[in-house]
Amino acid sequence: MTSLKGNGLQSPLKLTYLCRPEYANAPQPMIHPAATSEATRAFAGSFRLDATALNQLGLGTGADYVENVDLSFRNVRIEQLALDDLDAIRSGLGPVCTNLVREYSEKNLAYQTQQAIRADVIYRVRLKRGLSAEAKGIALKPFVLQLGGNVQEESDTTFSGEGLYHGLLLTKV
């Protein structure tokens, strides 16, 4: 169960857990073969983000030092839970979590993740020339933070993350 802050249509979308995931008894998601094939084709090649796009992603002052970023995706897959899985999760919640879900649901702020795009991603960051070591650190820090705990530095300006989520289909509770 997650909660959206705001209406979910404004960037950046912020999600939080209403209940601890280990108590939700959620089944392993299914892989949607047809959607995975389609997404794999759609994410083939690489994508370039310029300074304007980077600023829209909220990378802060670090974006000022970046020329562009190339993203490439591998192991793209569409994971999903069936509607009966979502219902079983809600039915198995304890009383404290059930009350929280009810409270946030009444405010139209409670959602469950039904489907997600998951992939391994490589970020190649091209920095502006002549940057100091300090400016380089400021520029690269947001990428490391965005990737979270799965980040691996492949070179000074190339980072990869495994099993990252890039899109969610949310179902209102």
C-alpha atoms as a PDB file:
ATOM      1  CA  MET A   1       0.000   0.000   0.000  1.00  0.00           C
ATOM      2  CA  THR A   2       1.308   3.418  -0.853  1.00  0.00           C
ATOM      3  CA  SER A   3       0.192   6.969  -0.400  1.00  0.00           C
ATOM      4  CA  LEU A   4       0.491   9.742  -2.937  1.00  0.00           C
ATOM      5  CA  LYS A   5       1.299  13.243  -1.818  1.00  0.00           C
ATOM      6  CA  GLY A   6      -0.680  15.723  -3.866  1.00  0.00           C
ATOM      7  CA  ASN A   7      -2.789  14.495  -6.749  1.00  0.00           C
ATOM      8  CA  GLY A   8      -0.110  12.310  -8.332  1.00  0.00           C
ATOM      9  CA  LEU A   9      -0.123  14.308 -11.532  1.00  0.00           C
ATOM     10  CA  GLN A  10       2.595  16.726 -10.536  1.00  0.00           C
ATOM     11  CA  SER A  11       6.266  15.926 -10.774  1.00  0.00           C
ATOM     12  CA  PRO A  12       8.028  14.561  -8.930  1.00  0.00           C
ATOM     13  CA  LEU A  13       5.640  11.877  -7.749  1.00  0.00           C
ATOM     14  CA  LYS A  14       6.310  10.985  -4.115  1.00  0.00           C
ATOM     15  CA  LEU A  15       5.251   7.646  -2.731  1.00  0.00           C
ATOM     16  CA  THR A  16       5.508   6.291   0.777  1.00  0.00           C
ATOM     17  CA  TYR A  17       4.560   3.056   2.490  1.00  0.00           C
ATOM     18  CA  LEU A  18       1.423   3.053   4.606  1.00  0.00           C
ATOM     19  CA  CYS A  19       2.280  -0.378   6.026  1.00  0.00           C
ATOM     20  CA  ARG A  20       5.500  -2.339   6.294  1.00  0.00           C
ATOM     21  CA  PRO A  21       5.859  -4.477   3.135  1.00  0.00           C
ATOM     22  CA  GLU A  22       6.963  -7.590   5.030  1.00  0.00           C
ATOM     23  CA  TYR A  23       3.536  -7.738   6.722  1.00  0.00           C
ATOM     24  CA  ALA A  24       1.564  -7.434   3.493  1.00  0.00           C
ATOM     25  CA  ASN A  25       2.062 -11.081   2.436  1.00  0.00           C
ATOM     26  CA  ALA A  26       2.333  -9.978  -1.183  1.00  0.00           C
ATOM     27  CA  PRO A  27       2.925 -12.745  -3.725  1.00  0.00           C
ATOM     28  CA  GLN A  28       5.803 -12.570  -6.168  1.00  0.00           C
ATOM     29  CA  PRO A  29       4.750 -10.482  -9.174  1.00  0.00           C
ATOM     30  CA  MET A  30       4.067 -12.206 -12.469  1.00  0.00           C
ATOM     31  CA  ILE A  31       6.047 -11.243 -15.554  1.00  0.00           C
ATOM     32  CA  HIS A  32       3.743 -10.089 -18.369  1.00  0.00           C
ATOM     33  CA  PRO A  33       5.420 -11.664 -21.459  1.00  0.00           C
ATOM     34  CA  ALA A  34       3.719  -9.626 -24.209  1.00  0.00           C
ATOM     35  CA  ALA A  35       4.118  -6.305 -22.392  1.00  0.00           C
ATOM     36  CA  THR A  36       7.734  -7.191 -21.551  1.00  0.00           C
ATOM     37  CA  SER A  37       8.497  -7.844 -25.237  1.00  0.00           C
ATOM     38  CA  GLU A  38       6.877  -4.559 -26.221  1.00  0.00           C
ATOM     39  CA  ALA A  39       8.715  -2.617 -23.493  1.00  0.00           C
ATOM     40  CA  THR A  40      12.029  -4.238 -24.433  1.00  0.00           C
ATOM     41  CA  ARG A  41      11.590  -2.979 -28.008  1.00  0.00           C
ATOM     42  CA  ALA A  42      10.495   0.479 -26.805  1.00  0.00           C
ATOM     43  CA  PHE A  43      13.523   0.810 -24.499  1.00  0.00           C
ATOM     44  CA  ALA A  44      16.060  -0.491 -27.050  1.00  0.00           C
ATOM     45  CA  GLY A  45      18.999   1.776 -27.826  1.00  0.00           C
ATOM     46  CA  SER A  46      19.835   4.732 -25.666  1.00  0.00           C
ATOM     47  CA  PHE A  47      18.077   7.931 -24.697  1.00  0.00           C
ATOM     48  CA  ARG A  48      19.707  11.330 -24.277  1.00  0.00           C
ATOM     49  CA  LEU A  49      18.601  13.783 -21.611  1.00  0.00           C
ATOM     50  CA  ASP A  50      19.711  17.373 -22.070  1.00  0.00           C
ATOM     51  CA  ALA A  51      20.027  20.097 -19.417  1.00  0.00           C
ATOM     52  CA  THR A  52      16.343  21.050 -19.718  1.00  0.00           C
ATOM     53  CA  ALA A  53      15.181  17.480 -19.096  1.00  0.00           C
ATOM     54  CA  LEU A  54      17.628  17.087 -16.208  1.00  0.00           C
ATOM     55  CA  ASN A  55      16.276  20.221 -14.514  1.00  0.00           C
ATOM     56  CA  GLN A  56      12.726  18.862 -14.887  1.00  0.00           C
ATOM     57  CA  LEU A  57      13.850  15.715 -13.064  1.00  0.00           C
ATOM     58  CA  GLY A  58      14.800  17.842 -10.076  1.00  0.00           C
ATOM     59  CA  LEU A  59      18.520  17.075  -9.999  1.00  0.00           C
ATOM     60  CA  GLY A  60      19.265  20.403  -8.341  1.00  0.00           C
ATOM     61  CA  THR A  61      22.368  22.484  -8.929  1.00  0.00           C
ATOM     62  CA  GLY A  62      24.246  19.440 -10.216  1.00  0.00           C
ATOM     63  CA  ALA A  63      22.336  19.670 -13.493  1.00  0.00           C
ATOM     64  CA  ASP A  64      24.099  22.974 -14.223  1.00  0.00           C
ATOM     65  CA  TYR A  65      27.395  21.092 -14.607  1.00  0.00           C
ATOM     66  CA  VAL A  66      26.053  18.373 -16.902  1.00  0.00           C
ATOM     67  CA  GLU A  67      26.107  18.590 -20.692  1.00  0.00           C
ATOM     68  CA  ASN A  68      23.820  15.566 -21.145  1.00  0.00           C
ATOM     69  CA  VAL A  69      23.104  12.061 -19.897  1.00  0.00           C
ATOM     70  CA  ASP A  70      22.684   8.942 -22.009  1.00  0.00           C
ATOM     71  CA  LEU A  71      20.485   6.205 -20.552  1.00  0.00           C
ATOM     72  CA  SER A  72      20.439   2.630 -21.769  1.00  0.00           C
ATOM     73  CA  PHE A  73      18.128  -0.080 -20.471  1.00  0.00           C
ATOM     74  CA  ARG A  74      18.729  -3.825 -20.143  1.00  0.00           C
ATOM     75  CA  ASN A  75      16.656  -6.687 -18.729  1.00  0.00           C
ATOM     76  CA  VAL A  76      13.438  -4.713 -19.144  1.00  0.00           C
ATOM     77  CA  ARG A  77      10.435  -6.523 -17.719  1.00  0.00           C
ATOM     78  CA  ILE A  78       6.856  -5.727 -16.830  1.00  0.00           C
ATOM     79  CA  GLU A  79       5.919  -7.091 -13.408  1.00  0.00           C
ATOM     80  CA  GLN A  80       2.308  -7.212 -12.291  1.00  0.00           C
ATOM     81  CA  LEU A  81      -0.045  -8.438  -9.615  1.00  0.00           C
ATOM     82  CA  ALA A  82      -3.506  -9.715 -10.541  1.00  0.00           C
ATOM     83  CA  LEU A  83      -6.539  -7.948  -9.082  1.00  0.00           C
ATOM     84  CA  ASP A  84      -7.242 -10.962  -6.859  1.00  0.00           C
ATOM     85  CA  ASP A  85      -3.662 -10.685  -5.523  1.00  0.00           C
ATOM     86  CA  LEU A  86      -4.284  -7.047  -4.625  1.00  0.00           C
ATOM     87  CA  ASP A  87      -7.544  -7.987  -2.897  1.00  0.00           C
ATOM     88  CA  ALA A  88      -5.824 -10.803  -0.970  1.00  0.00           C
ATOM     89  CA  ILE A  89      -3.140  -8.374   0.210  1.00  0.00           C
ATOM     90  CA  ARG A  90      -5.773  -5.927   1.505  1.00  0.00           C
ATOM     91  CA  SER A  91      -7.764  -8.742   3.160  1.00  0.00           C
ATOM     92  CA  GLY A  92      -4.721 -10.016   5.033  1.00  0.00           C
ATOM     93  CA  LEU A  93      -3.666  -6.725   6.609  1.00  0.00           C
ATOM     94  CA  GLY A  94      -3.615  -6.363  10.377  1.00  0.00           C
ATOM     95  CA  PRO A  95      -5.904  -3.937  12.246  1.00  0.00           C
ATOM     96  CA  VAL A  96      -3.422  -1.048  12.496  1.00  0.00           C
ATOM     97  CA  CYS A  97      -2.585  -1.181   8.797  1.00  0.00           C
ATOM     98  CA  THR A  98      -6.253  -1.626   7.844  1.00  0.00           C
ATOM     99  CA  ASN A  99      -7.110   1.547   9.776  1.00  0.00           C
ATOM    100  CA  LEU A 100      -4.311   3.481   8.053  1.00  0.00           C
ATOM    101  CA  VAL A 101      -5.428   2.270   4.628  1.00  0.00           C
ATOM    102  CA  ARG A 102      -9.029   3.275   5.409  1.00  0.00           C
ATOM    103  CA  GLU A 103      -7.919   6.723   6.619  1.00  0.00           C
ATOM    104  CA  TYR A 104      -5.824   7.437   3.511  1.00  0.00           C
ATOM    105  CA  SER A 105      -8.382   5.868   1.192  1.00  0.00           C
ATOM    106  CA  GLU A 106     -11.058   8.255   2.489  1.00  0.00           C
ATOM    107  CA  LYS A 107      -8.733  11.107   1.457  1.00  0.00           C
ATOM    108  CA  ASN A 108      -8.191   9.481  -1.979  1.00  0.00           C
ATOM    109  CA  LEU A 109      -4.513   9.006  -1.145  1.00  0.00           C
ATOM    110  CA  ALA A 110      -4.185   5.201  -0.890  1.00  0.00           C
ATOM    111  CA  TYR A 111      -2.985   3.125  -3.843  1.00  0.00           C
ATOM    112  CA  GLN A 112      -1.567  -0.301  -4.544  1.00  0.00           C
ATOM    113  CA  THR A 113       1.042  -0.955  -7.201  1.00  0.00           C
ATOM    114  CA  GLN A 114      -0.518  -3.233  -9.791  1.00  0.00           C
ATOM    115  CA  GLN A 115       2.141  -3.110 -12.497  1.00  0.00           C
ATOM    116  CA  ALA A 116       5.693  -1.829 -12.805  1.00  0.00           C
ATOM    117  CA  ILE A 117       8.424  -1.473 -15.396  1.00  0.00           C
ATOM    118  CA  ARG A 118      11.647  -2.851 -13.948  1.00  0.00           C
ATOM    119  CA  ALA A 119      15.026  -2.703 -15.669  1.00  0.00           C
ATOM    120  CA  ASP A 120      18.762  -2.453 -15.276  1.00  0.00           C
ATOM    121  CA  VAL A 121      19.931   1.013 -16.323  1.00  0.00           C
ATOM    122  CA  ILE A 122      23.271   2.488 -17.290  1.00  0.00           C
ATOM    123  CA  TYR A 123      23.690   6.260 -16.883  1.00  0.00           C
ATOM    124  CA  ARG A 124      26.532   7.848 -18.868  1.00  0.00           C
ATOM    125  CA  VAL A 125      26.990  11.408 -17.663  1.00  0.00           C
ATOM    126  CA  ARG A 126      28.782  13.891 -19.915  1.00  0.00           C
ATOM    127  CA  LEU A 127      30.039  16.774 -17.806  1.00  0.00           C
ATOM    128  CA  LYS A 128      30.861  20.260 -19.021  1.00  0.00           C
ATOM    129  CA  ARG A 129      34.562  20.806 -19.645  1.00  0.00           C
ATOM    130  CA  GLY A 130      36.921  22.291 -17.106  1.00  0.00           C
ATOM    131  CA  LEU A 131      35.003  21.377 -13.954  1.00  0.00           C
ATOM    132  CA  SER A 132      36.760  21.277 -10.618  1.00  0.00           C
ATOM    133  CA  ALA A 133      36.683  18.055  -8.596  1.00  0.00           C
ATOM    134  CA  GLU A 134      34.156  19.707  -6.256  1.00  0.00           C
ATOM    135  CA  ALA A 135      31.819  20.671  -9.124  1.00  0.00           C
ATOM    136  CA  LYS A 136      32.138  17.176 -10.569  1.00  0.00           C
ATOM    137  CA  GLY A 137      31.093  15.702  -7.213  1.00  0.00           C
ATOM    138  CA  ILE A 138      28.106  18.054  -7.023  1.00  0.00           C
ATOM    139  CA  ALA A 139      27.086  17.078 -10.559  1.00  0.00           C
ATOM    140  CA  LEU A 140      27.322  13.324 -10.026  1.00  0.00           C
ATOM    141  CA  LYS A 141      25.862  13.029  -6.512  1.00  0.00           C
ATOM    142  CA  PRO A 142      22.184  13.246  -7.615  1.00  0.00           C
ATOM    143  CA  PHE A 143      22.649  10.303  -9.993  1.00  0.00           C
ATOM    144  CA  VAL A 144      24.086   8.137  -7.244  1.00  0.00           C
ATOM    145  CA  LEU A 145      21.233   9.144  -4.910  1.00  0.00           C
ATOM    146  CA  GLN A 146      18.578   8.493  -7.575  1.00  0.00           C
ATOM    147  CA  LEU A 147      19.924   4.978  -8.153  1.00  0.00           C
ATOM    148  CA  GLY A 148      19.776   4.136  -4.475  1.00  0.00           C
ATOM    149  CA  GLY A 149      21.545   1.170  -2.957  1.00  0.00           C
ATOM    150  CA  ASN A 150      22.052  -0.766  -6.195  1.00  0.00           C
ATOM    151  CA  VAL A 151      24.454   1.726  -7.739  1.00  0.00           C
ATOM    152  CA  GLN A 152      27.749   0.551  -9.152  1.00  0.00           C
ATOM    153  CA  GLU A 153      30.273   3.059 -10.395  1.00  0.00           C
ATOM    154  CA  GLU A 154      31.697   1.739 -13.649  1.00  0.00           C
ATOM    155  CA  SER A 155      33.898   4.763 -14.312  1.00  0.00           C
ATOM    156  CA  ASP A 156      34.105   8.376 -13.175  1.00  0.00           C
ATOM    157  CA  THR A 157      30.961   9.281 -15.089  1.00  0.00           C
ATOM    158  CA  THR A 158      29.169   5.979 -15.737  1.00  0.00           C
ATOM    159  CA  PHE A 159      26.825   4.417 -13.207  1.00  0.00           C
ATOM    160  CA  SER A 160      24.558   1.413 -13.379  1.00  0.00           C
ATOM    161  CA  GLY A 161      21.668   0.229 -11.273  1.00  0.00           C
ATOM    162  CA  GLU A 162      20.045  -3.196 -11.282  1.00  0.00           C
ATOM    163  CA  GLY A 163      16.344  -3.895 -10.905  1.00  0.00           C
ATOM    164  CA  LEU A 164      15.268  -0.258 -10.800  1.00  0.00           C
ATOM    165  CA  TYR A 165      11.601   0.690 -11.157  1.00  0.00           C
ATOM    166  CA  HIS A 166      10.831   3.212 -13.899  1.00  0.00           C
ATOM    167  CA  GLY A 167       7.082   3.260 -14.169  1.00  0.00           C
ATOM    168  CA  LEU A 168       4.174   2.259 -11.989  1.00  0.00           C
ATOM    169  CA  LEU A 169       0.529   1.514 -12.650  1.00  0.00           C
ATOM    170  CA  LEU A 170      -1.287   2.332  -9.423  1.00  0.00           C
ATOM    171  CA  THR A 171      -4.728   1.082  -8.398  1.00  0.00           C
ATOM    172  CA  LYS A 172      -6.802   3.251  -6.059  1.00  0.00           C
ATOM    173  CA  VAL A 173      -7.767   1.552  -2.793  1.00  0.00           C
END
